[in-house]
Amino acid sequence: MRTRLISAAVLVPVVVVPFVIGDIWLPLGIAALSAFVAYEVAQLLRRAGLPAATWLAVTWTPLAVFFIGTSVEPSFELRHIGVAPGV
């Protein structure tokens, strides 16, 4: 329990600050979180006995999230419908 509280104390500000600051920091923060998530998913796949290219997931996932996040305008239009599956 103590480890979870320490993790929360460290990670909550890391997650909340990009949302508060906004602008370019929001896609950067989400991209950084997606790298962490991609790493965790790759490790879970490996433990399940499935092949997983960890370096590929950790490299390309945040890049895709960042470029998709910076390309979407605040006024969501029909031409951005391809963004939802990407995210």
Protein backbone atom coordinates (compact mmCIF):
# COMPACT_ATOMS: atom_id res chain seq x y z
CA MET A 1 0.00 0.00 0.00
CA ARG A 2 2.83 2.36 0.83
CA THR A 3 4.39 1.85 -2.62
CA ARG A 4 1.11 2.75 -4.29
CA LEU A 5 0.80 5.94 -2.27
CA ILE A 6 4.34 6.97 -3.15
CA SER A 7 3.69 6.20 -6.82
CA ALA A 8 0.49 8.25 -6.75
CA ALA A 9 2.25 11.17 -5.05
CA VAL A 10 4.85 11.20 -7.81
CA LEU A 11 2.68 10.40 -10.84
CA VAL A 12 -0.43 12.49 -10.16
CA PRO A 13 1.40 15.82 -10.62
CA VAL A 14 3.12 14.44 -13.73
CA VAL A 15 -0.27 13.64 -15.24
CA VAL A 16 -2.18 16.72 -14.03
CA VAL A 17 0.37 19.44 -14.90
CA PRO A 18 0.18 18.98 -18.73
CA PHE A 19 -3.62 19.21 -18.55
CA VAL A 20 -3.44 22.43 -16.53
CA ILE A 21 -0.74 24.07 -18.66
CA GLY A 22 -2.26 22.95 -21.96
CA ASP A 23 -0.93 24.24 -25.30
CA ILE A 24 1.90 22.04 -26.63
CA TRP A 25 2.48 20.41 -23.24
CA LEU A 26 -0.76 18.43 -23.38
CA PRO A 27 0.15 16.35 -26.46
CA LEU A 28 3.69 15.97 -25.12
CA GLY A 29 2.39 14.73 -21.77
CA ILE A 30 -0.03 12.31 -23.38
CA ALA A 31 2.72 11.07 -25.70
CA ALA A 32 5.00 10.44 -22.72
CA LEU A 33 2.24 8.54 -20.94
CA SER A 34 1.56 6.52 -24.08
CA ALA A 35 5.23 5.48 -24.19
CA PHE A 36 4.93 4.17 -20.65
CA VAL A 37 1.69 2.35 -21.48
CA ALA A 38 3.20 0.87 -24.66
CA TYR A 39 6.13 -0.44 -22.63
CA GLU A 40 3.80 -2.03 -20.08
CA VAL A 41 1.67 -3.66 -22.78
CA ALA A 42 4.78 -5.04 -24.51
CA GLN A 43 5.96 -6.52 -21.21
CA LEU A 44 2.54 -8.11 -20.63
CA LEU A 45 2.62 -9.63 -24.11
CA ARG A 46 6.08 -11.06 -23.50
CA ARG A 47 4.98 -12.59 -20.19
CA ALA A 48 2.05 -14.20 -22.01
CA GLY A 49 4.53 -15.82 -24.40
CA LEU A 50 3.71 -13.62 -27.38
CA PRO A 51 6.36 -11.82 -29.41
CA ALA A 52 6.51 -8.08 -28.82
CA ALA A 53 8.92 -5.49 -30.19
CA THR A 54 9.25 -3.26 -27.13
CA TRP A 55 11.49 -0.72 -28.83
CA LEU A 56 9.00 -0.37 -31.68
CA ALA A 57 6.05 0.17 -29.36
CA VAL A 58 7.88 2.65 -27.13
CA THR A 59 9.21 4.60 -30.13
CA TRP A 60 6.26 4.81 -32.49
CA THR A 61 3.33 5.02 -30.08
CA PRO A 62 4.26 8.40 -28.55
CA LEU A 63 5.21 9.78 -31.96
CA ALA A 64 1.83 8.82 -33.39
CA VAL A 65 -0.03 10.20 -30.38
CA PHE A 66 1.94 13.46 -30.47
CA PHE A 67 1.43 14.11 -34.18
CA ILE A 68 -2.23 13.17 -34.05
CA GLY A 69 -2.71 15.34 -30.96
CA THR A 70 -1.06 18.38 -32.51
CA SER A 71 -2.89 18.01 -35.83
CA VAL A 72 -6.42 18.14 -34.40
CA GLU A 73 -7.96 21.58 -34.31
CA PRO A 74 -10.18 22.67 -31.43
CA SER A 75 -13.11 22.75 -33.84
CA PHE A 76 -13.45 19.06 -34.67
CA GLU A 77 -14.54 18.60 -38.26
CA LEU A 78 -15.51 15.61 -40.32
CA ARG A 79 -12.08 15.44 -41.94
CA HIS A 80 -10.62 14.57 -38.53
CA ILE A 81 -12.73 11.45 -38.20
CA GLY A 82 -9.59 9.34 -38.76
CA VAL A 83 -8.10 10.67 -35.54
CA ALA A 84 -10.40 8.68 -33.23
CA PRO A 85 -9.15 5.23 -34.28
CA GLY A 86 -5.56 6.49 -34.11
CA VAL A 87 -5.93 7.64 -30.52
